[in-house]
Amino acid sequence: MERTATAHWEGDLRSGTGTMRLGSGAWEGPHSFKTRFEGAPGSNPEELLGAAHAACFSMAVSAGLAKAGKKATSIDTKAAVILEGLAITRIDLTTNAVVPGLTAAEFQAVADDAKANCIVSKALAAVPITLQATLAAG
């Protein structure tokens, strides 16, 4: 299985602009120095990396719950990709889930396993990843 994405860039680093596109065509958007480093409207590679990590982690939690015989009502995950200078220095995962019949300790164990073993976490093993997991009443 191969998944693709493309990027196009025109101009120099500071004043140039580009576009990024998912291979599926499901999303395409602009990016620039200002969107990446100065908070201007538009996307950036770190934001897309965070989306991929949050999605992968949530799916891994769901798979872990299934192994435990549980099914989530909902799993909501935020991945904050911390960019300092020219390095991604940390990714902070925050997840909240509603899972009937599961204790907070059981949920934490499933979430910890997902953090260590989701495909994107493994690919990003060089970056420290933190996790805050909350089980909501449901």
N, C-alpha and C. Protein backbone atom coordinates (compact mmCIF):
# COMPACT_ATOMS: atom_id res chain seq x y z
N MET A 1 0.85 -1.17 0.00
CA MET A 1 0.00 0.00 0.00
C MET A 1 0.89 1.24 0.00
N GLU A 2 0.57 2.17 -0.84
CA GLU A 2 1.30 3.43 -0.91
C GLU A 2 0.33 4.58 -0.76
N ARG A 3 0.67 5.53 0.08
CA ARG A 3 -0.12 6.75 0.24
C ARG A 3 0.76 7.90 -0.21
N THR A 4 0.19 8.88 -0.90
CA THR A 4 1.00 9.97 -1.41
C THR A 4 0.42 11.33 -1.05
N ALA A 5 1.27 12.30 -1.12
CA ALA A 5 0.89 13.71 -1.03
C ALA A 5 1.90 14.47 -1.87
N THR A 6 1.50 15.64 -2.36
CA THR A 6 2.41 16.43 -3.17
C THR A 6 2.48 17.85 -2.64
N ALA A 7 3.56 18.52 -2.98
CA ALA A 7 3.73 19.92 -2.64
C ALA A 7 4.35 20.63 -3.82
N HIS A 8 3.94 21.86 -4.02
CA HIS A 8 4.47 22.71 -5.07
C HIS A 8 4.91 24.01 -4.42
N TRP A 9 6.08 24.53 -4.80
CA TRP A 9 6.61 25.77 -4.22
C TRP A 9 7.11 26.67 -5.33
N GLU A 10 6.89 27.97 -5.17
CA GLU A 10 7.40 28.97 -6.11
C GLU A 10 8.02 30.10 -5.32
N GLY A 11 9.22 30.51 -5.70
CA GLY A 11 9.86 31.65 -5.08
C GLY A 11 10.86 31.27 -4.01
N ASP A 12 11.35 32.29 -3.32
CA ASP A 12 12.33 32.04 -2.25
C ASP A 12 11.61 31.64 -0.97
N LEU A 13 12.38 31.33 0.05
CA LEU A 13 11.81 30.82 1.30
C LEU A 13 10.86 31.82 1.96
N ARG A 14 11.29 33.04 2.13
CA ARG A 14 10.50 34.02 2.89
C ARG A 14 9.30 34.59 2.14
N SER A 15 9.41 34.81 0.84
CA SER A 15 8.30 35.44 0.13
C SER A 15 7.59 34.49 -0.82
N GLY A 16 8.09 33.27 -0.95
CA GLY A 16 7.47 32.31 -1.84
C GLY A 16 6.17 31.76 -1.28
N THR A 17 5.46 31.03 -2.12
CA THR A 17 4.21 30.39 -1.70
C THR A 17 4.13 29.01 -2.32
N GLY A 18 3.32 28.20 -1.71
CA GLY A 18 3.15 26.85 -2.23
C GLY A 18 1.77 26.29 -1.94
N THR A 19 1.56 25.11 -2.46
CA THR A 19 0.34 24.37 -2.17
C THR A 19 0.72 22.94 -1.80
N MET A 20 -0.09 22.35 -0.97
CA MET A 20 0.06 20.94 -0.59
C MET A 20 -1.24 20.25 -0.96
N ARG A 21 -1.14 19.00 -1.36
CA ARG A 21 -2.33 18.26 -1.79
C ARG A 21 -2.20 16.80 -1.36
N LEU A 22 -3.27 16.29 -0.79
CA LEU A 22 -3.31 14.86 -0.47
C LEU A 22 -3.50 14.08 -1.76
N GLY A 23 -2.86 12.94 -1.86
CA GLY A 23 -2.97 12.11 -3.06
C GLY A 23 -4.39 11.69 -3.37
N SER A 24 -5.21 11.56 -2.35
CA SER A 24 -6.61 11.18 -2.56
C SER A 24 -7.44 12.31 -3.14
N GLY A 25 -6.90 13.54 -3.07
CA GLY A 25 -7.66 14.69 -3.51
C GLY A 25 -8.63 15.22 -2.47
N ALA A 26 -8.64 14.62 -1.28
CA ALA A 26 -9.58 15.02 -0.24
C ALA A 26 -9.27 16.39 0.34
N TRP A 27 -8.02 16.86 0.19
CA TRP A 27 -7.65 18.17 0.73
C TRP A 27 -6.53 18.77 -0.09
N GLU A 28 -6.61 20.07 -0.30
CA GLU A 28 -5.54 20.83 -0.91
C GLU A 28 -5.54 22.20 -0.27
N GLY A 29 -4.35 22.73 0.03
CA GLY A 29 -4.30 24.04 0.65
C GLY A 29 -2.96 24.73 0.47
N PRO A 30 -2.97 26.05 0.72
CA PRO A 30 -1.75 26.84 0.57
C PRO A 30 -0.83 26.73 1.78
N HIS A 31 0.44 27.01 1.54
CA HIS A 31 1.39 27.14 2.64
C HIS A 31 2.47 28.13 2.23
N SER A 32 3.08 28.72 3.25
CA SER A 32 4.12 29.72 3.00
C SER A 32 4.98 29.84 4.24
N PHE A 33 6.01 30.63 4.17
CA PHE A 33 6.84 30.90 5.35
C PHE A 33 5.97 31.48 6.45
N LYS A 34 5.08 32.39 6.09
CA LYS A 34 4.23 33.05 7.09
C LYS A 34 3.25 32.08 7.74
N THR A 35 2.69 31.13 6.97
CA THR A 35 1.76 30.16 7.58
C THR A 35 2.51 29.16 8.45
N ARG A 36 3.76 28.92 8.13
CA ARG A 36 4.53 27.94 8.89
C ARG A 36 5.18 28.53 10.14
N PHE A 37 5.73 29.74 10.01
CA PHE A 37 6.53 30.29 11.10
C PHE A 37 5.96 31.53 11.76
N GLU A 38 4.92 32.13 11.17
CA GLU A 38 4.42 33.39 11.72
C GLU A 38 2.93 33.36 12.05
N GLY A 39 2.27 32.22 11.94
CA GLY A 39 0.88 32.11 12.34
C GLY A 39 -0.13 32.71 11.37
N ALA A 40 0.26 33.00 10.14
CA ALA A 40 -0.68 33.52 9.15
C ALA A 40 -1.69 32.43 8.78
N PRO A 41 -2.88 32.84 8.30
CA PRO A 41 -3.87 31.85 7.87
C PRO A 41 -3.32 30.96 6.75
N GLY A 42 -3.66 29.70 6.80
CA GLY A 42 -3.18 28.71 5.84
C GLY A 42 -2.59 27.55 6.61
N SER A 43 -2.15 26.56 5.91
CA SER A 43 -1.65 25.35 6.56
C SER A 43 -0.13 25.32 6.59
N ASN A 44 0.38 24.24 7.15
CA ASN A 44 1.82 24.03 7.25
C ASN A 44 2.09 22.54 7.45
N PRO A 45 3.30 22.08 7.20
CA PRO A 45 3.59 20.66 7.32
C PRO A 45 3.36 20.10 8.73
N GLU A 46 3.64 20.90 9.76
CA GLU A 46 3.48 20.41 11.13
C GLU A 46 2.01 20.18 11.48
N GLU A 47 1.15 21.03 10.97
CA GLU A 47 -0.29 20.86 11.18
C GLU A 47 -0.78 19.56 10.55
N LEU A 48 -0.31 19.28 9.34
CA LEU A 48 -0.71 18.04 8.68
C LEU A 48 -0.15 16.82 9.40
N LEU A 49 1.09 16.95 9.90
CA LEU A 49 1.68 15.87 10.69
C LEU A 49 0.85 15.61 11.95
N GLY A 50 0.41 16.68 12.59
CA GLY A 50 -0.44 16.55 13.78
C GLY A 50 -1.76 15.87 13.46
N ALA A 51 -2.37 16.23 12.35
CA ALA A 51 -3.64 15.60 11.96
C ALA A 51 -3.44 14.11 11.73
N ALA A 52 -2.35 13.76 11.06
CA ALA A 52 -2.07 12.34 10.81
C ALA A 52 -1.86 11.60 12.12
N HIS A 53 -1.14 12.21 13.04
CA HIS A 53 -0.85 11.54 14.31
C HIS A 53 -2.12 11.39 15.14
N ALA A 54 -2.94 12.44 15.21
CA ALA A 54 -4.18 12.36 15.98
C ALA A 54 -5.11 11.29 15.42
N ALA A 55 -5.22 11.21 14.10
CA ALA A 55 -6.09 10.21 13.48
C ALA A 55 -5.57 8.80 13.73
N CYS A 56 -4.28 8.60 13.54
CA CYS A 56 -3.68 7.28 13.74
C CYS A 56 -3.83 6.83 15.19
N PHE A 57 -3.52 7.74 16.12
CA PHE A 57 -3.62 7.42 17.54
C PHE A 57 -5.06 7.04 17.90
N SER A 58 -6.04 7.82 17.46
CA SER A 58 -7.44 7.52 17.78
C SER A 58 -7.85 6.15 17.26
N MET A 59 -7.40 5.82 16.05
CA MET A 59 -7.70 4.49 15.50
C MET A 59 -7.02 3.39 16.30
N ALA A 60 -5.80 3.64 16.77
CA ALA A 60 -5.09 2.64 17.58
C ALA A 60 -5.77 2.45 18.93
N VAL A 61 -6.30 3.52 19.50
CA VAL A 61 -7.06 3.39 20.75
C VAL A 61 -8.30 2.54 20.50
N SER A 62 -9.00 2.79 19.41
CA SER A 62 -10.18 2.01 19.07
C SER A 62 -9.84 0.53 18.92
N ALA A 63 -8.72 0.24 18.26
CA ALA A 63 -8.30 -1.16 18.10
C ALA A 63 -7.96 -1.79 19.45
N GLY A 64 -7.29 -1.03 20.31
CA GLY A 64 -6.96 -1.54 21.65
C GLY A 64 -8.20 -1.81 22.48
N LEU A 65 -9.18 -0.94 22.36
CA LEU A 65 -10.44 -1.15 23.08
C LEU A 65 -11.14 -2.40 22.57
N ALA A 66 -11.13 -2.61 21.27
CA ALA A 66 -11.76 -3.80 20.69
C ALA A 66 -11.09 -5.07 21.24
N LYS A 67 -9.75 -5.04 21.35
CA LYS A 67 -9.05 -6.20 21.92
C LYS A 67 -9.50 -6.47 23.35
N ALA A 68 -9.87 -5.40 24.07
CA ALA A 68 -10.34 -5.52 25.45
C ALA A 68 -11.84 -5.79 25.53
N GLY A 69 -12.48 -5.95 24.37
CA GLY A 69 -13.91 -6.23 24.34
C GLY A 69 -14.77 -5.00 24.58
N LYS A 70 -14.22 -3.82 24.33
CA LYS A 70 -14.96 -2.57 24.55
C LYS A 70 -15.09 -1.79 23.25
N LYS A 71 -16.09 -0.91 23.20
CA LYS A 71 -16.31 -0.07 22.03
C LYS A 71 -16.52 1.36 22.50
N ALA A 72 -15.77 2.27 21.91
CA ALA A 72 -15.89 3.67 22.28
C ALA A 72 -17.14 4.30 21.67
N THR A 73 -17.78 5.14 22.45
CA THR A 73 -18.83 5.98 21.92
C THR A 73 -18.19 7.10 21.11
N SER A 74 -17.07 7.62 21.65
CA SER A 74 -16.32 8.66 20.94
C SER A 74 -14.88 8.72 21.45
N ILE A 75 -13.98 9.11 20.56
CA ILE A 75 -12.57 9.35 20.89
C ILE A 75 -12.18 10.64 20.18
N ASP A 76 -11.78 11.64 20.94
CA ASP A 76 -11.36 12.91 20.37
C ASP A 76 -9.91 13.17 20.76
N THR A 77 -9.05 13.35 19.78
CA THR A 77 -7.62 13.51 20.04
C THR A 77 -7.10 14.77 19.37
N LYS A 78 -6.29 15.50 20.12
CA LYS A 78 -5.56 16.66 19.60
C LYS A 78 -4.08 16.33 19.65
N ALA A 79 -3.36 16.61 18.58
CA ALA A 79 -1.91 16.46 18.55
C ALA A 79 -1.32 17.85 18.36
N ALA A 80 -0.61 18.34 19.36
CA ALA A 80 0.06 19.63 19.27
C ALA A 80 1.52 19.36 18.90
N VAL A 81 1.90 19.76 17.69
CA VAL A 81 3.26 19.56 17.21
C VAL A 81 4.04 20.83 17.55
N ILE A 82 5.05 20.69 18.40
CA ILE A 82 5.81 21.83 18.89
C ILE A 82 7.03 22.04 18.00
N LEU A 83 7.06 23.20 17.34
CA LEU A 83 8.15 23.57 16.45
C LEU A 83 8.95 24.67 17.13
N GLU A 84 10.21 24.40 17.39
CA GLU A 84 11.10 25.38 18.00
C GLU A 84 12.31 25.54 17.08
N GLY A 85 12.45 26.76 16.57
CA GLY A 85 13.50 26.97 15.59
C GLY A 85 13.22 26.14 14.36
N LEU A 86 14.17 25.33 13.98
CA LEU A 86 14.00 24.47 12.82
C LEU A 86 13.89 23.00 13.21
N ALA A 87 13.27 22.75 14.37
CA ALA A 87 13.13 21.37 14.83
C ALA A 87 11.76 21.14 15.47
N ILE A 88 11.19 19.98 15.22
CA ILE A 88 10.02 19.54 15.97
C ILE A 88 10.57 18.93 17.25
N THR A 89 10.28 19.58 18.37
CA THR A 89 10.88 19.17 19.64
C THR A 89 9.97 18.28 20.50
N ARG A 90 8.68 18.25 20.17
CA ARG A 90 7.76 17.46 20.99
C ARG A 90 6.41 17.40 20.30
N ILE A 91 5.69 16.32 20.58
CA ILE A 91 4.29 16.22 20.17
C ILE A 91 3.49 15.87 21.41
N ASP A 92 2.49 16.71 21.71
CA ASP A 92 1.64 16.49 22.87
C ASP A 92 0.29 15.96 22.40
N LEU A 93 -0.01 14.72 22.76
CA LEU A 93 -1.31 14.13 22.45
C LEU A 93 -2.24 14.34 23.63
N THR A 94 -3.44 14.83 23.36
CA THR A 94 -4.48 14.96 24.37
C THR A 94 -5.70 14.24 23.82
N THR A 95 -6.16 13.23 24.56
CA THR A 95 -7.30 12.47 24.07
C THR A 95 -8.38 12.38 25.14
N ASN A 96 -9.61 12.47 24.70
CA ASN A 96 -10.77 12.33 25.56
C ASN A 96 -11.69 11.31 24.91
N ALA A 97 -12.15 10.38 25.73
CA ALA A 97 -13.00 9.32 25.16
C ALA A 97 -14.17 9.01 26.08
N VAL A 98 -15.21 8.54 25.46
CA VAL A 98 -16.35 7.99 26.18
C VAL A 98 -16.39 6.51 25.81
N VAL A 99 -16.20 5.67 26.84
CA VAL A 99 -16.18 4.22 26.63
C VAL A 99 -16.98 3.57 27.76
N PRO A 100 -18.20 3.17 27.49
CA PRO A 100 -19.01 2.53 28.54
C PRO A 100 -18.33 1.27 29.08
N GLY A 101 -18.39 1.11 30.40
CA GLY A 101 -17.90 -0.10 31.04
C GLY A 101 -16.40 -0.20 31.17
N LEU A 102 -15.67 0.91 31.05
CA LEU A 102 -14.21 0.90 31.14
C LEU A 102 -13.78 1.81 32.28
N THR A 103 -12.79 1.39 33.04
CA THR A 103 -12.27 2.24 34.11
C THR A 103 -11.21 3.18 33.54
N ALA A 104 -10.93 4.23 34.30
CA ALA A 104 -9.90 5.18 33.88
C ALA A 104 -8.55 4.50 33.74
N ALA A 105 -8.23 3.59 34.64
CA ALA A 105 -6.94 2.88 34.59
C ALA A 105 -6.86 2.00 33.35
N GLU A 106 -7.96 1.33 33.02
CA GLU A 106 -7.98 0.50 31.81
C GLU A 106 -7.81 1.37 30.56
N PHE A 107 -8.48 2.53 30.56
CA PHE A 107 -8.36 3.43 29.42
C PHE A 107 -6.92 3.94 29.29
N GLN A 108 -6.31 4.30 30.40
CA GLN A 108 -4.93 4.79 30.36
C GLN A 108 -4.00 3.74 29.78
N ALA A 109 -4.20 2.49 30.15
CA ALA A 109 -3.36 1.41 29.62
C ALA A 109 -3.52 1.28 28.11
N VAL A 110 -4.75 1.35 27.63
CA VAL A 110 -5.00 1.26 26.19
C VAL A 110 -4.38 2.47 25.48
N ALA A 111 -4.54 3.65 26.05
CA ALA A 111 -3.99 4.87 25.44
C ALA A 111 -2.47 4.83 25.41
N ASP A 112 -1.85 4.37 26.49
CA ASP A 112 -0.38 4.27 26.53
C ASP A 112 0.12 3.31 25.46
N ASP A 113 -0.57 2.20 25.28
CA ASP A 113 -0.18 1.24 24.25
C ASP A 113 -0.33 1.85 22.86
N ALA A 114 -1.42 2.58 22.64
CA ALA A 114 -1.64 3.24 21.35
C ALA A 114 -0.56 4.27 21.07
N LYS A 115 -0.17 5.02 22.09
CA LYS A 115 0.89 6.03 21.92
C LYS A 115 2.19 5.37 21.48
N ALA A 116 2.50 4.25 22.07
CA ALA A 116 3.75 3.56 21.74
C ALA A 116 3.71 2.82 20.41
N ASN A 117 2.52 2.38 20.01
CA ASN A 117 2.45 1.45 18.89
C ASN A 117 1.66 1.91 17.67
N CYS A 118 1.05 3.08 17.69
CA CYS A 118 0.37 3.49 16.46
C CYS A 118 1.43 3.73 15.38
N ILE A 119 1.06 3.54 14.17
CA ILE A 119 1.99 3.59 13.04
C ILE A 119 2.73 4.93 12.97
N VAL A 120 2.00 6.02 13.18
CA VAL A 120 2.64 7.34 13.09
C VAL A 120 3.56 7.58 14.29
N SER A 121 3.16 7.15 15.49
CA SER A 121 4.06 7.28 16.64
C SER A 121 5.37 6.55 16.39
N LYS A 122 5.29 5.37 15.81
CA LYS A 122 6.51 4.62 15.51
C LYS A 122 7.37 5.37 14.50
N ALA A 123 6.74 5.98 13.50
CA ALA A 123 7.50 6.72 12.49
C ALA A 123 8.15 7.97 13.09
N LEU A 124 7.56 8.50 14.14
CA LEU A 124 8.07 9.71 14.78
C LEU A 124 8.84 9.41 16.06
N ALA A 125 9.40 8.24 16.16
CA ALA A 125 10.05 7.80 17.40
C ALA A 125 11.19 8.71 17.85
N ALA A 126 11.77 9.49 16.96
CA ALA A 126 12.87 10.39 17.34
C ALA A 126 12.38 11.62 18.10
N VAL A 127 11.06 11.84 18.11
CA VAL A 127 10.48 13.02 18.75
C VAL A 127 9.80 12.59 20.06
N PRO A 128 10.07 13.27 21.18
CA PRO A 128 9.34 12.95 22.41
C PRO A 128 7.84 13.17 22.22
N ILE A 129 7.05 12.22 22.70
CA ILE A 129 5.59 12.30 22.60
C ILE A 129 5.02 12.20 24.00
N THR A 130 4.21 13.19 24.39
CA THR A 130 3.53 13.15 25.68
C THR A 130 2.07 12.75 25.45
N LEU A 131 1.42 12.30 26.52
CA LEU A 131 0.03 11.87 26.41
C LEU A 131 -0.74 12.28 27.65
N GLN A 132 -1.87 12.91 27.42
CA GLN A 132 -2.85 13.16 28.48
C GLN A 132 -4.14 12.48 28.04
N ALA A 133 -4.55 11.44 28.75
CA ALA A 133 -5.72 10.66 28.38
C ALA A 133 -6.80 10.81 29.44
N THR A 134 -8.00 11.17 29.00
CA THR A 134 -9.12 11.37 29.92
C THR A 134 -10.29 10.52 29.47
N LEU A 135 -10.84 9.77 30.40
CA LEU A 135 -12.03 8.98 30.14
C LEU A 135 -13.21 9.73 30.72
N ALA A 136 -14.13 10.12 29.87
CA ALA A 136 -15.32 10.85 30.31
C ALA A 136 -16.42 9.86 30.68
N ALA A 137 -17.32 10.29 31.55
CA ALA A 137 -18.44 9.44 31.93
C ALA A 137 -19.33 9.24 30.72
N GLY A 138 -19.85 8.04 30.59
CA GLY A 138 -20.69 7.80 29.42
C GLY A 138 -21.59 6.70 29.57
